[in-house]
């Protein structure tokens, strides 16, 4: 059985307005046998 994997999305904002997102990043992380996410 494979380890659980989730996609983490990070939004870096450049202001207070609804259209002020200036950077979007994502990373898939997997939970190891010891319970830690990597």
Foldseek 3Di string as FASTA:
>chain_A
DAFDKDKDKDFDFDDDDPPGTDDIDIDIWTQDPVRDID
